[in-house]
Amino acid sequence: MLIYGISLMPLCEELAEEFPEILALWFADDEGHVGSARLNAQCLAYLVEHGPKYGYYPKPEKSFHVCMEADEAVAEQEFLSRGLELQFVRGHRYLGGHVGSKESKEQYVNSKVEGWCNLRALALRSLPNQGKNNFSH
């Protein structure tokens, strides 16, 4: 994955030159960008067109555009006008974290905490003494 990430550097640099007003975040082959819907749509269209020559094949149908509900119609039009169909959401996990609305962030965090609590309960059932020692304050 390291070599693949390095091989994408020229594409990252091209993208930065083409769209200096957008913040692009890369981790290996995961890419996200912060900007207006118009710029995000232009950026994704650029990646779809130019990415394959670097071995990068974005799949818009698997992509998410995080926006407020009030902005969704405009954002959807920007992407569709470039032939890009993607999913519009209020929040989504990204690189182990979360981006989006306060409500979606709370849902995300609550689901994580619930998973951790279930893990703790499983540990306590499997190894009662060990689990109690590891998970007490």
N, C-alpha and C. Protein backbone atom coordinates (compact mmCIF):
# COMPACT_ATOMS: atom_id res chain seq x y z
N MET A 1 0.83 -1.20 0.00
CA MET A 1 0.00 0.00 0.00
C MET A 1 0.87 1.25 0.00
N LEU A 2 2.04 1.16 0.62
CA LEU A 2 2.94 2.31 0.68
C LEU A 2 3.36 2.75 -0.72
N ILE A 3 3.77 1.79 -1.54
CA ILE A 3 4.21 2.13 -2.89
C ILE A 3 3.05 2.69 -3.70
N TYR A 4 1.86 2.11 -3.53
CA TYR A 4 0.69 2.63 -4.24
C TYR A 4 0.41 4.07 -3.83
N GLY A 5 0.49 4.34 -2.53
CA GLY A 5 0.29 5.71 -2.04
C GLY A 5 1.29 6.67 -2.64
N ILE A 6 2.55 6.25 -2.71
CA ILE A 6 3.60 7.09 -3.30
C ILE A 6 3.34 7.30 -4.78
N SER A 7 2.86 6.25 -5.46
CA SER A 7 2.60 6.37 -6.90
C SER A 7 1.47 7.35 -7.21
N LEU A 8 0.63 7.64 -6.20
CA LEU A 8 -0.46 8.60 -6.41
C LEU A 8 -0.04 10.05 -6.18
N MET A 9 1.18 10.27 -5.70
CA MET A 9 1.64 11.64 -5.42
C MET A 9 1.53 12.56 -6.64
N PRO A 10 1.92 12.13 -7.85
CA PRO A 10 1.75 13.04 -9.00
C PRO A 10 0.29 13.44 -9.22
N LEU A 11 -0.63 12.51 -9.00
CA LEU A 11 -2.05 12.83 -9.13
C LEU A 11 -2.46 13.83 -8.06
N CYS A 12 -1.99 13.64 -6.83
CA CYS A 12 -2.28 14.58 -5.74
C CYS A 12 -1.78 15.97 -6.09
N GLU A 13 -0.58 16.04 -6.64
CA GLU A 13 0.01 17.33 -7.00
C GLU A 13 -0.76 17.99 -8.14
N GLU A 14 -1.15 17.19 -9.15
CA GLU A 14 -1.98 17.72 -10.25
C GLU A 14 -3.28 18.30 -9.72
N LEU A 15 -3.90 17.55 -8.83
CA LEU A 15 -5.18 17.97 -8.26
C LEU A 15 -5.01 19.29 -7.50
N ALA A 16 -3.94 19.41 -6.75
CA ALA A 16 -3.67 20.64 -5.98
C ALA A 16 -3.44 21.82 -6.91
N GLU A 17 -2.78 21.60 -8.04
CA GLU A 17 -2.56 22.68 -9.01
C GLU A 17 -3.86 23.07 -9.70
N GLU A 18 -4.64 22.08 -10.06
CA GLU A 18 -5.90 22.32 -10.78
C GLU A 18 -6.95 22.98 -9.89
N PHE A 19 -6.98 22.61 -8.60
CA PHE A 19 -7.98 23.12 -7.66
C PHE A 19 -7.29 23.64 -6.41
N PRO A 20 -6.61 24.78 -6.49
CA PRO A 20 -5.88 25.29 -5.32
C PRO A 20 -6.79 25.71 -4.17
N GLU A 21 -8.07 25.98 -4.46
CA GLU A 21 -8.97 26.45 -3.41
C GLU A 21 -9.65 25.32 -2.64
N ILE A 22 -9.34 24.09 -3.00
CA ILE A 22 -9.97 22.96 -2.32
C ILE A 22 -8.95 22.25 -1.44
N LEU A 23 -9.40 21.74 -0.32
CA LEU A 23 -8.54 20.97 0.58
C LEU A 23 -8.78 19.50 0.30
N ALA A 24 -7.77 18.82 -0.23
CA ALA A 24 -7.88 17.39 -0.53
C ALA A 24 -7.11 16.60 0.52
N LEU A 25 -7.75 15.59 1.06
CA LEU A 25 -7.17 14.75 2.11
C LEU A 25 -7.00 13.34 1.56
N TRP A 26 -5.80 12.83 1.61
CA TRP A 26 -5.51 11.50 1.07
C TRP A 26 -4.95 10.60 2.16
N PHE A 27 -5.35 9.34 2.12
CA PHE A 27 -4.72 8.29 2.90
C PHE A 27 -4.75 7.05 2.02
N ALA A 28 -3.60 6.69 1.48
CA ALA A 28 -3.50 5.61 0.50
C ALA A 28 -4.44 5.91 -0.67
N ASP A 29 -5.46 5.08 -0.89
CA ASP A 29 -6.37 5.34 -2.00
C ASP A 29 -7.68 5.96 -1.56
N ASP A 30 -7.78 6.35 -0.30
CA ASP A 30 -8.97 7.06 0.18
C ASP A 30 -8.74 8.55 0.02
N GLU A 31 -9.64 9.19 -0.68
CA GLU A 31 -9.50 10.63 -0.94
C GLU A 31 -10.78 11.32 -0.55
N GLY A 32 -10.64 12.46 0.07
CA GLY A 32 -11.78 13.29 0.41
C GLY A 32 -11.40 14.73 0.16
N HIS A 33 -12.37 15.56 -0.13
CA HIS A 33 -12.06 16.97 -0.33
C HIS A 33 -13.13 17.84 0.30
N VAL A 34 -12.68 19.02 0.71
CA VAL A 34 -13.53 19.98 1.39
C VAL A 34 -13.64 21.21 0.52
N GLY A 35 -14.87 21.60 0.21
CA GLY A 35 -15.10 22.78 -0.62
C GLY A 35 -16.56 22.86 -0.98
N SER A 36 -16.88 23.76 -1.87
CA SER A 36 -18.27 23.91 -2.31
C SER A 36 -18.69 22.70 -3.13
N ALA A 37 -19.98 22.52 -3.29
CA ALA A 37 -20.49 21.40 -4.08
C ALA A 37 -19.96 21.47 -5.51
N ARG A 38 -19.90 22.67 -6.07
CA ARG A 38 -19.40 22.83 -7.44
C ARG A 38 -17.95 22.36 -7.54
N LEU A 39 -17.12 22.82 -6.60
CA LEU A 39 -15.71 22.42 -6.62
C LEU A 39 -15.53 20.93 -6.34
N ASN A 40 -16.32 20.39 -5.41
CA ASN A 40 -16.23 18.96 -5.13
C ASN A 40 -16.60 18.14 -6.35
N ALA A 41 -17.64 18.55 -7.07
CA ALA A 41 -18.05 17.85 -8.28
C ALA A 41 -16.98 17.95 -9.36
N GLN A 42 -16.40 19.13 -9.53
CA GLN A 42 -15.33 19.30 -10.51
C GLN A 42 -14.13 18.43 -10.16
N CYS A 43 -13.81 18.39 -8.89
CA CYS A 43 -12.67 17.62 -8.41
C CYS A 43 -12.88 16.12 -8.66
N LEU A 44 -14.05 15.62 -8.34
CA LEU A 44 -14.34 14.20 -8.56
C LEU A 44 -14.34 13.88 -10.05
N ALA A 45 -14.91 14.75 -10.86
CA ALA A 45 -14.89 14.54 -12.31
C ALA A 45 -13.45 14.49 -12.82
N TYR A 46 -12.60 15.34 -12.29
CA TYR A 46 -11.18 15.36 -12.67
C TYR A 46 -10.52 14.03 -12.31
N LEU A 47 -10.81 13.54 -11.11
CA LEU A 47 -10.22 12.27 -10.68
C LEU A 47 -10.71 11.10 -11.53
N VAL A 48 -11.98 11.11 -11.89
CA VAL A 48 -12.52 10.04 -12.74
C VAL A 48 -11.83 10.06 -14.09
N GLU A 49 -11.57 11.25 -14.62
CA GLU A 49 -10.94 11.37 -15.94
C GLU A 49 -9.43 11.10 -15.90
N HIS A 50 -8.73 11.66 -14.92
CA HIS A 50 -7.27 11.59 -14.91
C HIS A 50 -6.69 10.52 -13.99
N GLY A 51 -7.48 10.03 -13.05
CA GLY A 51 -6.98 9.05 -12.10
C GLY A 51 -6.49 7.75 -12.70
N PRO A 52 -7.19 7.18 -13.69
CA PRO A 52 -6.76 5.88 -14.22
C PRO A 52 -5.33 5.84 -14.76
N LYS A 53 -4.82 6.94 -15.28
CA LYS A 53 -3.44 6.89 -15.79
C LYS A 53 -2.43 6.73 -14.66
N TYR A 54 -2.88 6.92 -13.41
CA TYR A 54 -2.03 6.71 -12.23
C TYR A 54 -2.43 5.45 -11.47
N GLY A 55 -3.37 4.69 -12.02
CA GLY A 55 -3.84 3.49 -11.34
C GLY A 55 -4.90 3.78 -10.28
N TYR A 56 -5.48 4.97 -10.33
CA TYR A 56 -6.52 5.36 -9.37
C TYR A 56 -7.86 5.37 -10.09
N TYR A 57 -8.78 4.53 -9.63
CA TYR A 57 -10.08 4.37 -10.28
C TYR A 57 -11.20 4.71 -9.30
N PRO A 58 -11.54 5.99 -9.18
CA PRO A 58 -12.62 6.35 -8.25
C PRO A 58 -13.96 5.79 -8.73
N LYS A 59 -14.78 5.41 -7.77
CA LYS A 59 -16.11 4.88 -8.07
C LYS A 59 -17.13 5.83 -7.44
N PRO A 60 -17.63 6.79 -8.22
CA PRO A 60 -18.59 7.76 -7.67
C PRO A 60 -19.79 7.11 -7.00
N GLU A 61 -20.27 5.99 -7.54
CA GLU A 61 -21.45 5.35 -6.97
C GLU A 61 -21.19 4.83 -5.55
N LYS A 62 -19.93 4.66 -5.17
CA LYS A 62 -19.58 4.24 -3.82
C LYS A 62 -19.16 5.42 -2.95
N SER A 63 -19.21 6.62 -3.51
CA SER A 63 -18.77 7.82 -2.81
C SER A 63 -19.92 8.49 -2.07
N PHE A 64 -19.56 9.27 -1.07
CA PHE A 64 -20.53 10.00 -0.26
C PHE A 64 -20.21 11.48 -0.30
N HIS A 65 -21.26 12.29 -0.43
CA HIS A 65 -21.12 13.74 -0.32
C HIS A 65 -21.87 14.15 0.94
N VAL A 66 -21.12 14.66 1.90
CA VAL A 66 -21.72 15.08 3.17
C VAL A 66 -22.13 16.53 3.04
N CYS A 67 -23.43 16.79 3.25
CA CYS A 67 -23.93 18.16 3.15
C CYS A 67 -25.19 18.31 4.00
N MET A 68 -25.57 19.55 4.23
CA MET A 68 -26.82 19.81 4.94
C MET A 68 -27.98 19.51 4.00
N GLU A 69 -29.10 19.16 4.57
CA GLU A 69 -30.28 18.84 3.77
C GLU A 69 -30.67 20.00 2.86
N ALA A 70 -30.53 21.22 3.35
CA ALA A 70 -30.89 22.40 2.56
C ALA A 70 -30.01 22.56 1.32
N ASP A 71 -28.80 22.01 1.35
CA ASP A 71 -27.87 22.14 0.23
C ASP A 71 -27.88 20.95 -0.72
N GLU A 72 -28.62 19.92 -0.39
CA GLU A 72 -28.55 18.68 -1.16
C GLU A 72 -29.00 18.84 -2.61
N ALA A 73 -30.07 19.57 -2.86
CA ALA A 73 -30.57 19.71 -4.24
C ALA A 73 -29.53 20.37 -5.14
N VAL A 74 -28.89 21.42 -4.65
CA VAL A 74 -27.86 22.10 -5.44
C VAL A 74 -26.67 21.18 -5.64
N ALA A 75 -26.25 20.49 -4.58
CA ALA A 75 -25.11 19.58 -4.67
C ALA A 75 -25.40 18.45 -5.65
N GLU A 76 -26.59 17.88 -5.56
CA GLU A 76 -26.96 16.79 -6.45
C GLU A 76 -26.92 17.25 -7.90
N GLN A 77 -27.41 18.44 -8.18
CA GLN A 77 -27.39 18.98 -9.54
C GLN A 77 -25.95 19.16 -10.04
N GLU A 78 -25.06 19.64 -9.18
CA GLU A 78 -23.66 19.83 -9.57
C GLU A 78 -23.01 18.50 -9.98
N PHE A 79 -23.26 17.46 -9.22
CA PHE A 79 -22.67 16.16 -9.53
C PHE A 79 -23.33 15.52 -10.74
N LEU A 80 -24.66 15.54 -10.78
CA LEU A 80 -25.37 14.91 -11.90
C LEU A 80 -25.05 15.58 -13.23
N SER A 81 -24.83 16.90 -13.21
CA SER A 81 -24.52 17.61 -14.46
C SER A 81 -23.18 17.15 -15.04
N ARG A 82 -22.37 16.49 -14.24
CA ARG A 82 -21.08 15.96 -14.69
C ARG A 82 -21.12 14.44 -14.85
N GLY A 83 -22.33 13.89 -14.78
CA GLY A 83 -22.49 12.44 -14.94
C GLY A 83 -22.04 11.63 -13.73
N LEU A 84 -22.02 12.26 -12.57
CA LEU A 84 -21.55 11.59 -11.35
C LEU A 84 -22.73 11.32 -10.42
N GLU A 85 -23.02 10.05 -10.21
CA GLU A 85 -24.09 9.68 -9.28
C GLU A 85 -23.45 9.15 -8.02
N LEU A 86 -23.73 9.80 -6.90
CA LEU A 86 -23.20 9.37 -5.63
C LEU A 86 -24.25 9.50 -4.55
N GLN A 87 -23.88 9.15 -3.34
CA GLN A 87 -24.82 9.16 -2.23
C GLN A 87 -24.67 10.45 -1.43
N PHE A 88 -25.80 11.04 -1.08
CA PHE A 88 -25.81 12.29 -0.30
C PHE A 88 -26.26 11.97 1.11
N VAL A 89 -25.45 12.36 2.08
CA VAL A 89 -25.72 12.03 3.48
C VAL A 89 -25.45 13.24 4.37
N ARG A 90 -25.95 13.19 5.60
CA ARG A 90 -25.72 14.27 6.57
C ARG A 90 -24.43 14.04 7.35
N GLY A 91 -23.96 12.80 7.35
CA GLY A 91 -22.72 12.47 8.04
C GLY A 91 -22.26 11.08 7.65
N HIS A 92 -20.96 10.85 7.80
CA HIS A 92 -20.41 9.55 7.42
C HIS A 92 -19.06 9.36 8.09
N ARG A 93 -18.69 8.09 8.33
CA ARG A 93 -17.37 7.84 8.90
C ARG A 93 -16.32 8.13 7.84
N TYR A 94 -15.16 8.58 8.28
CA TYR A 94 -14.08 8.87 7.35
C TYR A 94 -12.75 8.66 8.06
N LEU A 95 -11.97 7.73 7.57
CA LEU A 95 -10.65 7.42 8.11
C LEU A 95 -10.67 7.23 9.63
N GLY A 96 -11.61 6.44 10.10
CA GLY A 96 -11.68 6.14 11.52
C GLY A 96 -12.38 7.19 12.36
N GLY A 97 -12.82 8.26 11.74
CA GLY A 97 -13.52 9.32 12.44
C GLY A 97 -14.88 9.56 11.83
N HIS A 98 -15.35 10.77 11.96
CA HIS A 98 -16.68 11.11 11.46
C HIS A 98 -16.68 12.54 10.95
N VAL A 99 -17.38 12.76 9.85
CA VAL A 99 -17.64 14.11 9.35
C VAL A 99 -19.13 14.26 9.17
N GLY A 100 -19.65 15.42 9.50
CA GLY A 100 -21.07 15.65 9.29
C GLY A 100 -21.73 16.40 10.42
N SER A 101 -23.04 16.28 10.44
CA SER A 101 -23.86 17.03 11.39
C SER A 101 -23.67 16.52 12.81
N LYS A 102 -24.08 17.34 13.75
CA LYS A 102 -23.98 16.97 15.17
C LYS A 102 -24.80 15.70 15.44
N GLU A 103 -25.99 15.63 14.85
CA GLU A 103 -26.87 14.48 15.08
C GLU A 103 -26.23 13.19 14.56
N SER A 104 -25.67 13.25 13.35
CA SER A 104 -25.07 12.03 12.79
C SER A 104 -23.81 11.66 13.56
N LYS A 105 -23.09 12.67 14.07
CA LYS A 105 -21.89 12.39 14.88
C LYS A 105 -22.30 11.68 16.17
N GLU A 106 -23.38 12.14 16.79
CA GLU A 106 -23.85 11.49 18.02
C GLU A 106 -24.26 10.05 17.75
N GLN A 107 -24.93 9.80 16.63
CA GLN A 107 -25.31 8.44 16.27
C GLN A 107 -24.07 7.57 16.09
N TYR A 108 -23.07 8.11 15.40
CA TYR A 108 -21.83 7.38 15.15
C TYR A 108 -21.14 7.04 16.46
N VAL A 109 -20.98 8.03 17.34
CA VAL A 109 -20.30 7.82 18.62
C VAL A 109 -21.09 6.83 19.47
N ASN A 110 -22.41 6.99 19.52
CA ASN A 110 -23.23 6.07 20.31
C ASN A 110 -23.09 4.63 19.83
N SER A 111 -23.03 4.43 18.51
CA SER A 111 -22.87 3.06 17.99
C SER A 111 -21.50 2.50 18.36
N LYS A 112 -20.48 3.35 18.36
CA LYS A 112 -19.14 2.91 18.77
C LYS A 112 -19.13 2.52 20.25
N VAL A 113 -19.72 3.36 21.09
CA VAL A 113 -19.76 3.09 22.53
C VAL A 113 -20.53 1.80 22.80
N GLU A 114 -21.64 1.61 22.09
CA GLU A 114 -22.42 0.39 22.26
C GLU A 114 -21.58 -0.84 21.90
N GLY A 115 -20.83 -0.74 20.82
CA GLY A 115 -19.94 -1.84 20.43
C GLY A 115 -18.89 -2.13 21.48
N TRP A 116 -18.31 -1.08 22.06
CA TRP A 116 -17.30 -1.26 23.10
C TRP A 116 -17.92 -1.90 24.35
N CYS A 117 -19.13 -1.48 24.69
CA CYS A 117 -19.81 -2.06 25.85
C CYS A 117 -20.10 -3.53 25.62
N ASN A 118 -20.51 -3.88 24.40
CA ASN A 118 -20.75 -5.29 24.07
C ASN A 118 -19.45 -6.09 24.16
N LEU A 119 -18.36 -5.50 23.72
CA LEU A 119 -17.06 -6.16 23.80
C LEU A 119 -16.66 -6.39 25.25
N ARG A 120 -16.91 -5.40 26.08
CA ARG A 120 -16.60 -5.53 27.51
C ARG A 120 -17.43 -6.65 28.12
N ALA A 121 -18.72 -6.70 27.79
CA ALA A 121 -19.60 -7.75 28.32
C ALA A 121 -19.12 -9.12 27.87
N LEU A 122 -18.70 -9.24 26.63
CA LEU A 122 -18.19 -10.51 26.11
C LEU A 122 -16.92 -10.92 26.86
N ALA A 123 -16.04 -9.96 27.10
CA ALA A 123 -14.80 -10.24 27.83
C ALA A 123 -15.11 -10.69 29.25
N LEU A 124 -16.07 -10.05 29.89
CA LEU A 124 -16.43 -10.42 31.26
C LEU A 124 -17.05 -11.81 31.32
N ARG A 125 -17.78 -12.20 30.27
CA ARG A 125 -18.37 -13.54 30.24
C ARG A 125 -17.31 -14.60 30.00
N SER A 126 -16.39 -14.31 29.08
CA SER A 126 -15.36 -15.28 28.70
C SER A 126 -14.32 -15.48 29.79
N LEU A 127 -13.84 -14.40 30.35
CA LEU A 127 -12.79 -14.43 31.37
C LEU A 127 -13.18 -13.49 32.50
N PRO A 128 -14.08 -13.91 33.38
CA PRO A 128 -14.63 -12.99 34.38
C PRO A 128 -13.58 -12.25 35.21
N ASN A 129 -12.58 -12.96 35.71
CA ASN A 129 -11.57 -12.29 36.53
C ASN A 129 -10.68 -11.39 35.70
N GLN A 130 -10.25 -11.88 34.56
CA GLN A 130 -9.37 -11.09 33.68
C GLN A 130 -10.10 -9.86 33.16
N GLY A 131 -11.34 -10.05 32.72
CA GLY A 131 -12.11 -8.93 32.18
C GLY A 131 -12.39 -7.87 33.22
N LYS A 132 -12.67 -8.31 34.43
CA LYS A 132 -12.95 -7.35 35.50
C LYS A 132 -11.73 -6.50 35.80
N ASN A 133 -10.56 -7.12 35.80
CA ASN A 133 -9.33 -6.38 36.07
C ASN A 133 -8.99 -5.41 34.94
N ASN A 134 -9.21 -5.81 33.72
CA ASN A 134 -8.84 -4.98 32.58
C ASN A 134 -9.78 -3.81 32.34
N PHE A 135 -11.03 -3.95 32.77
CA PHE A 135 -12.02 -2.92 32.44
C PHE A 135 -12.52 -2.14 33.65
N SER A 136 -11.84 -2.24 34.77
CA SER A 136 -12.28 -1.45 35.92
C SER A 136 -11.50 -0.15 35.97
N HIS A 137 -12.03 0.84 36.69
CA HIS A 137 -11.36 2.14 36.72
C HIS A 137 -10.17 2.05 37.62
